[in-house]
């Protein structure tokens, strides 16, 4: 029987990825579709994609699929053929990364969850199919010129910090679950306005637009394919990009450049910077923005305390870690802290 889970050490996987001599393509897609047996679909997809040397992070639920993947170019057409041969995913729109070296994922992870995006909503309380109008890049640009338009970033604060559309509302939310009621309350007196929603690849806007329409908003629109598709259409059609900075992505890259502007700052020295890193101390793993100078000075760490820890022998690090509980995830893992140089 084929092993349907990865059992290889993380360091070895990353080393093997770095040594690859062929190119990869980073692609994402989602679809809300009824899957009667998500676990069976999960096993089928893992076996299929593992045989094609595909890496990535895929979530399945009864409501559908949410996938981000790295596909070897030599298997690209086979991947498309086999994906589209499955009735549930036939002709599902694919979003290809715009700033991509193919090293976005080092292993294949396919998981079954309650939902493909954690939104905290009771889907039985409203019509989840009553979504907003999908707009192309050109249509979104034109709609932004309307005096009646309100542009809303449906991503988390650490995503919008490094890049967002001009004049967009960027809610100070840690999670999508938090952001939905926050946006509804923030705009409760503007239900007659033209809402222009956007997110990374479009999936969050599918649920957000239906939720906001249920809340009584009359003119709800969403950027088709999200920032990823927008950047591709801007490039292909020679449009003016109204998105400034980087697009945060949930893979090893942590961001892809959309425009040359740097709109954020190093969390340690305040110099212009938009590169997210995780603290080099595995027991900390703080996600924060760090400039090259601080990266060198701090050895990729968020503080001197973490630098001191990673300089210890690995056995000493494990002793320090033993029995400790992880700090609050909202405070530590989502850029809430601003580590200071000492």
Protein backbone atom coordinates (compact mmCIF):
# COMPACT_ATOMS: atom_id res chain seq x y z
CA UNK A 1 0.00 0.00 0.00
CA UNK A 2 1.27 3.48 -0.85
CA UNK A 3 2.31 5.58 2.16
CA UNK A 4 -0.09 8.53 2.23
CA UNK A 5 1.90 10.78 4.57
CA UNK A 6 5.37 12.29 4.50
CA UNK A 7 7.87 10.71 6.90
CA UNK A 8 11.10 12.40 5.79
CA UNK A 9 12.95 14.87 8.02
CA UNK A 10 12.27 18.56 7.30
CA UNK A 11 15.95 19.46 6.89
CA UNK A 12 16.50 16.66 4.38
CA UNK A 13 13.41 17.70 2.42
CA UNK A 14 14.64 21.30 2.20
CA UNK A 15 18.08 20.12 1.14
CA UNK A 16 16.62 17.94 -1.61
CA UNK A 17 14.51 20.87 -2.83
CA UNK A 18 17.53 23.18 -2.96
CA UNK A 19 19.47 20.59 -5.00
CA UNK A 20 16.77 20.17 -7.67
CA UNK A 21 17.98 21.05 -11.16
CA UNK A 22 14.55 21.41 -12.77
CA UNK A 23 12.06 24.28 -12.55
CA UNK A 24 8.83 24.32 -10.60
CA UNK A 25 5.66 26.41 -10.92
CA UNK A 26 3.77 27.68 -7.88
CA UNK A 27 0.02 27.51 -8.44
CA UNK A 28 -3.05 27.98 -6.25
CA UNK A 29 -6.72 27.20 -6.73
CA UNK A 30 -9.91 26.71 -4.78
CA UNK A 31 -13.45 25.57 -5.41
CA UNK A 32 -16.55 25.41 -3.28
CA UNK A 33 -18.03 22.07 -4.29
CA UNK A 34 -19.74 19.29 -2.34
CA UNK A 35 -17.33 16.46 -1.53
CA UNK A 36 -19.31 13.56 -0.08
CA UNK A 37 -16.17 11.79 1.21
CA UNK A 38 -13.34 14.30 1.79
CA UNK A 39 -11.06 11.66 3.33
CA UNK A 40 -11.29 9.42 0.27
CA UNK A 41 -10.66 12.42 -1.98
CA UNK A 42 -7.73 13.39 0.22
CA UNK A 43 -6.10 9.96 -0.12
CA UNK A 44 -6.71 9.91 -3.87
CA UNK A 45 -5.11 13.34 -4.35
CA UNK A 46 -2.13 12.58 -2.11
CA UNK A 47 -1.31 9.40 -4.01
CA UNK A 48 -1.78 11.13 -7.36
CA UNK A 49 0.30 14.23 -6.58
CA UNK A 50 3.01 12.47 -4.64
CA UNK A 51 3.67 10.31 -7.74
CA UNK A 52 4.14 13.54 -9.75
CA UNK A 53 6.67 14.95 -7.25
CA UNK A 54 4.30 17.78 -6.34
CA UNK A 55 4.76 19.70 -3.09
CA UNK A 56 2.21 21.92 -1.41
CA UNK A 57 -0.42 22.55 1.23
CA UNK A 58 -3.95 21.42 0.41
CA UNK A 59 -7.07 21.59 2.58
CA UNK A 60 -10.21 19.58 1.84
CA UNK A 61 -13.62 19.71 3.48
CA UNK A 62 -17.16 18.74 2.58
CA UNK A 63 -17.49 22.26 1.13
CA UNK A 64 -14.56 21.93 -1.31
CA UNK A 65 -10.81 22.41 -1.79
CA UNK A 66 -8.21 25.10 -1.09
CA UNK A 67 -4.80 24.34 -2.59
CA UNK A 68 -1.37 25.95 -2.92
CA UNK A 69 1.14 23.80 -4.79
CA UNK A 70 4.57 23.61 -6.38
CA UNK A 71 4.51 21.53 -9.58
CA UNK A 72 7.59 20.36 -11.54
CA UNK A 73 7.45 21.87 -15.01
CA UNK A 74 8.09 18.46 -16.57
CA UNK A 75 4.86 17.21 -14.94
CA UNK A 76 2.78 20.35 -15.47
CA UNK A 77 0.56 19.07 -18.28
CA UNK A 78 0.09 15.71 -16.57
CA UNK A 79 -0.97 17.55 -13.42
CA UNK A 80 -3.54 19.61 -15.38
CA UNK A 81 -4.88 16.57 -17.21
CA UNK A 82 -5.31 14.50 -14.06
CA UNK A 83 -6.79 17.38 -12.05
CA UNK A 84 -9.36 18.23 -14.73
CA UNK A 85 -10.22 14.55 -15.16
CA UNK A 86 -11.77 14.63 -11.68
CA UNK A 87 -15.40 15.84 -12.05
CA UNK A 88 -15.30 17.95 -8.86
CA UNK A 89 -12.29 19.93 -10.10
CA UNK A 90 -12.86 20.00 -13.86
CA UNK A 91 -11.73 23.35 -15.33
CA UNK A 92 -11.10 24.86 -11.86
CA UNK A 93 -9.38 28.26 -12.43
CA UNK A 94 -5.66 28.21 -11.64
CA UNK A 95 -3.68 31.18 -10.28
CA UNK A 96 0.02 31.04 -11.13
CA UNK A 97 2.48 32.97 -8.95
CA UNK A 98 3.98 36.11 -10.47
CA UNK A 99 7.27 36.23 -8.51
CA UNK A 100 8.27 32.63 -8.32
CA UNK A 101 11.44 30.54 -8.12
CA UNK A 102 9.38 27.38 -7.57
CA UNK A 103 10.86 26.78 -4.12
CA UNK A 104 7.61 27.56 -2.34
CA UNK A 105 6.97 24.21 -0.64
CA UNK A 106 9.32 21.46 0.50
CA UNK A 107 6.76 18.71 1.18
CA UNK A 108 3.26 17.57 0.22
CA UNK A 109 0.59 18.04 2.88
CA UNK A 110 -3.06 17.19 2.17
CA UNK A 111 -5.42 17.56 5.15
CA UNK A 112 -9.14 17.21 5.80
CA UNK A 113 -10.68 20.05 7.82
CA UNK A 114 -14.12 21.27 8.84
CA UNK A 115 -13.80 24.18 6.40
CA UNK A 116 -11.35 25.11 3.66
CA UNK A 117 -11.03 28.59 5.22
CA UNK A 118 -11.60 29.14 8.94
CA UNK A 119 -14.30 31.83 8.99
CA UNK A 120 -16.32 31.05 12.13
CA UNK A 121 -19.60 31.38 10.23
CA UNK A 122 -22.70 29.20 10.30
CA UNK A 123 -23.09 28.52 6.59
CA UNK A 124 -26.69 27.43 7.16
CA UNK A 125 -27.60 30.95 8.33
CA UNK A 126 -27.25 32.57 4.90
CA UNK A 127 -26.88 31.77 1.20
CA UNK A 128 -23.16 31.15 0.70
CA UNK A 129 -23.67 31.03 -3.08
CA UNK A 130 -25.04 34.60 -3.23
CA UNK A 131 -21.58 36.07 -3.81
CA UNK A 132 -20.53 39.49 -5.06
CA UNK A 133 -19.83 40.46 -8.65
CA UNK A 134 -16.44 39.27 -9.91
CA UNK A 135 -14.27 42.00 -11.41
CA UNK A 136 -11.23 41.65 -13.65
CA UNK A 137 -8.11 43.74 -13.01
CA UNK A 138 -9.22 46.39 -15.53
CA UNK A 139 -12.74 46.48 -14.06
CA UNK A 140 -11.40 46.71 -10.51
CA UNK A 141 -9.12 49.62 -11.48
CA UNK A 142 -12.05 51.43 -13.09
CA UNK A 143 -14.35 50.79 -10.12
CA UNK A 144 -11.76 52.24 -7.74
CA UNK A 145 -12.21 55.61 -9.48
CA UNK A 146 -15.84 55.84 -8.37
CA UNK A 147 -16.53 58.34 -5.57
CA UNK A 148 -19.01 55.83 -4.20
CA UNK A 149 -16.44 53.03 -3.89
CA UNK A 150 -14.97 51.64 -0.67
CA UNK A 151 -11.99 49.32 -1.12
CA UNK A 152 -11.66 46.68 1.61
CA UNK A 153 -8.67 44.41 2.21
CA UNK A 154 -10.04 41.07 3.43
CA UNK A 155 -6.65 39.85 4.64
CA UNK A 156 -4.94 39.94 8.03
CA UNK A 157 -2.96 42.92 9.32
CA UNK A 158 0.45 41.34 8.73
CA UNK A 159 -0.49 40.73 5.09
CA UNK A 160 -1.70 44.25 4.32
CA UNK A 161 1.25 45.77 6.19
CA UNK A 162 3.65 44.98 3.34
CA UNK A 163 1.26 45.63 0.44
CA UNK A 164 -2.25 46.87 -0.32
CA UNK A 165 -4.35 48.76 -2.84
CA UNK A 166 -4.35 52.54 -2.83
CA UNK A 167 -6.91 54.00 -0.39
CA UNK A 168 -7.93 50.56 0.88
CA UNK A 169 -9.34 49.98 4.35
CA UNK A 170 -6.94 47.54 6.03
CA UNK A 171 -8.63 46.15 9.17
CA UNK A 172 -6.39 45.48 12.16
CA UNK A 173 -7.37 41.82 12.38
CA UNK A 174 -5.31 38.75 13.26
CA UNK A 175 -7.62 36.29 11.50
CA UNK A 176 -10.28 36.16 8.80
CA UNK A 177 -12.71 34.97 11.49
CA UNK A 178 -12.14 38.25 13.38
CA UNK A 179 -12.24 40.41 10.29
CA UNK A 180 -15.69 39.49 8.92
CA UNK A 181 -17.79 40.99 11.76
CA UNK A 182 -15.23 43.80 12.11
CA UNK A 183 -15.78 44.91 8.51
CA UNK A 184 -19.57 44.58 8.76
CA UNK A 185 -19.59 46.79 11.85
CA UNK A 186 -17.08 49.30 10.45
CA UNK A 187 -19.23 49.85 7.34
CA UNK A 188 -22.67 49.44 8.90
CA UNK A 189 -23.71 52.97 7.90
CA UNK A 190 -22.45 52.58 4.33
CA UNK A 191 -24.60 49.75 3.02
CA UNK A 192 -25.48 51.75 -0.09
CA UNK A 193 -21.82 52.19 -1.12
CA UNK A 194 -19.97 50.15 -3.77
CA UNK A 195 -17.81 47.66 -1.86
CA UNK A 196 -14.66 46.44 -3.61
CA UNK A 197 -13.26 43.42 -1.77
CA UNK A 198 -9.92 41.77 -2.42
CA UNK A 199 -7.71 39.09 -0.90
CA UNK A 200 -4.75 36.92 -1.92
CA UNK A 201 -6.35 34.49 -4.37
CA UNK A 202 -10.07 35.16 -4.10
CA UNK A 203 -11.25 32.45 -1.72
CA UNK A 204 -11.80 34.66 1.33
CA UNK A 205 -13.79 37.14 -0.76
CA UNK A 206 -16.16 34.39 -1.91
CA UNK A 207 -17.35 33.89 1.66
CA UNK A 208 -16.97 37.55 2.68
CA UNK A 209 -19.06 38.87 -0.20
CA UNK A 210 -21.91 36.44 0.53
CA UNK A 211 -21.74 37.32 4.24
CA UNK A 212 -21.84 41.08 3.56
CA UNK A 213 -24.72 40.74 1.11
CA UNK A 214 -26.59 38.84 3.84
CA UNK A 215 -25.82 41.76 6.17
CA UNK A 216 -27.65 44.10 3.80
CA UNK A 217 -24.88 45.59 1.67
CA UNK A 218 -26.35 46.33 -1.74
CA UNK A 219 -23.40 46.59 -4.16
CA UNK A 220 -20.73 44.03 -3.30
CA UNK A 221 -17.89 43.35 -5.74
CA UNK A 222 -14.77 41.21 -5.49
CA UNK A 223 -11.48 41.03 -7.35
CA UNK A 224 -11.55 37.87 -9.44
CA UNK A 225 -8.59 35.63 -8.63
CA UNK A 226 -7.36 38.02 -5.96
CA UNK A 227 -4.05 39.86 -5.98
CA UNK A 228 -2.31 36.95 -7.70
CA UNK A 229 -4.55 37.10 -10.77
CA UNK A 230 -4.62 40.92 -10.67
CA UNK A 231 -0.83 41.12 -10.91
CA UNK A 232 -0.80 38.71 -13.84
CA UNK A 233 -3.50 40.61 -15.74
CA UNK A 234 -1.76 43.94 -15.07
CA UNK A 235 1.44 42.56 -16.56
CA UNK A 236 -0.20 40.86 -19.55
CA UNK A 237 -2.50 43.79 -20.43
CA UNK A 238 -0.11 46.64 -19.63
CA UNK A 239 -2.41 48.10 -16.97
CA UNK A 240 -1.41 50.48 -14.20
CA UNK A 241 -0.97 48.59 -10.93
CA UNK A 242 -2.90 50.21 -8.11
CA UNK A 243 -1.55 47.62 -5.71
CA UNK A 244 1.58 48.87 -3.95
CA UNK A 245 4.22 46.66 -2.36
CA UNK A 246 4.30 42.91 -1.80
CA UNK A 247 1.63 40.25 -1.72
CA UNK A 248 2.02 38.09 1.41
CA UNK A 249 1.82 34.38 0.58
CA UNK A 250 1.51 31.39 2.92
CA UNK A 251 4.48 29.36 1.75
CA UNK A 252 8.25 29.37 2.13
CA UNK A 253 8.53 32.64 0.16
CA UNK A 254 6.31 34.62 2.57
CA UNK A 255 5.79 37.22 -0.14
CA UNK A 256 5.87 37.97 -3.86
CA UNK A 257 6.69 41.40 -5.22
CA UNK A 258 3.89 43.15 -7.10
CA UNK A 259 5.35 46.67 -7.36
CA UNK A 260 8.73 48.18 -6.55
CA UNK A 261 7.43 50.36 -3.69
CA UNK A 262 8.39 49.34 -0.16
CA UNK A 263 5.64 50.58 2.14
CA UNK A 264 6.56 48.92 5.44
CA UNK A 265 9.44 49.09 7.91
CA UNK A 266 11.82 46.77 9.73
CA UNK A 267 10.30 45.87 13.09
CA UNK A 268 13.69 46.29 14.76
CA UNK A 269 15.29 49.44 13.36
CA UNK A 270 12.43 51.07 11.38
CA UNK A 271 14.37 51.10 8.09
CA UNK A 272 12.30 50.58 4.95
CA UNK A 273 11.82 46.80 4.57
CA UNK A 274 9.13 44.34 3.53
CA UNK A 275 10.71 40.92 4.02
CA UNK A 276 8.95 38.71 6.55
CA UNK A 277 11.03 36.15 8.43
CA UNK A 278 10.42 33.72 11.25
CA UNK A 279 12.76 34.05 14.21
CA UNK A 280 15.65 31.61 13.83
CA UNK A 281 14.97 30.30 17.33
CA UNK A 282 12.52 27.41 16.68
CA UNK A 283 10.96 27.83 20.12
CA UNK A 284 10.04 31.43 19.28
CA UNK A 285 9.31 31.40 15.54
CA UNK A 286 8.00 34.98 15.69
CA UNK A 287 6.85 36.26 12.29
CA UNK A 288 8.21 39.76 11.78
CA UNK A 289 9.73 42.11 9.22
CA UNK A 290 13.51 42.31 9.26
CA UNK A 291 15.88 44.32 7.06
CA UNK A 292 19.16 42.78 5.72
CA UNK A 293 21.26 44.75 8.21
CA UNK A 294 19.31 43.50 11.24
CA UNK A 295 19.18 40.00 9.75
CA UNK A 296 22.97 39.90 9.73
CA UNK A 297 23.38 41.60 13.10
CA UNK A 298 20.74 39.48 14.85
CA UNK A 299 21.48 36.20 12.99
CA UNK A 300 17.86 36.02 11.89
CA UNK A 301 16.59 36.31 15.45
CA UNK A 302 14.09 38.71 16.99
CA UNK A 303 16.14 39.41 20.14
CA UNK A 304 19.44 38.85 21.91
CA UNK A 305 17.72 36.25 24.10
CA UNK A 306 16.87 34.18 21.03
CA UNK A 307 20.39 34.68 19.61
CA UNK A 308 21.82 33.31 22.83
CA UNK A 309 19.54 30.28 22.65
CA UNK A 310 20.42 29.29 19.06
CA UNK A 311 24.15 29.56 19.91
CA UNK A 312 23.75 26.76 22.48
CA UNK A 313 24.29 23.08 21.62
CA UNK A 314 21.09 21.49 20.37
CA UNK A 315 20.75 19.34 23.49
CA UNK A 316 20.88 22.46 25.67
CA UNK A 317 18.19 24.06 23.51
CA UNK A 318 15.98 21.02 23.99
CA UNK A 319 16.43 21.17 27.76
CA UNK A 320 15.33 24.81 27.78
CA UNK A 321 12.35 23.93 25.62
CA UNK A 322 11.25 20.97 27.73
CA UNK A 323 8.06 21.62 29.64
CA UNK A 324 7.52 25.07 28.18
CA UNK A 325 4.26 26.05 26.55
CA UNK A 326 4.10 28.17 23.43
CA UNK A 327 3.26 31.86 24.00
CA UNK A 328 -0.10 33.19 22.86
CA UNK A 329 -0.34 32.62 19.10
CA UNK A 330 -2.02 35.96 18.42
CA UNK A 331 0.75 37.83 20.21
CA UNK A 332 3.72 35.98 18.81
CA UNK A 333 3.07 34.37 15.48
CA UNK A 334 1.25 37.19 13.72
CA UNK A 335 3.72 40.11 13.96
CA UNK A 336 2.01 41.67 16.97
CA UNK A 337 5.31 42.07 18.77
CA UNK A 338 7.93 44.53 17.59
CA UNK A 339 11.29 43.05 18.63
CA UNK A 340 13.85 45.66 19.64
CA UNK A 341 17.58 45.70 19.10
CA UNK A 342 19.56 45.70 22.35
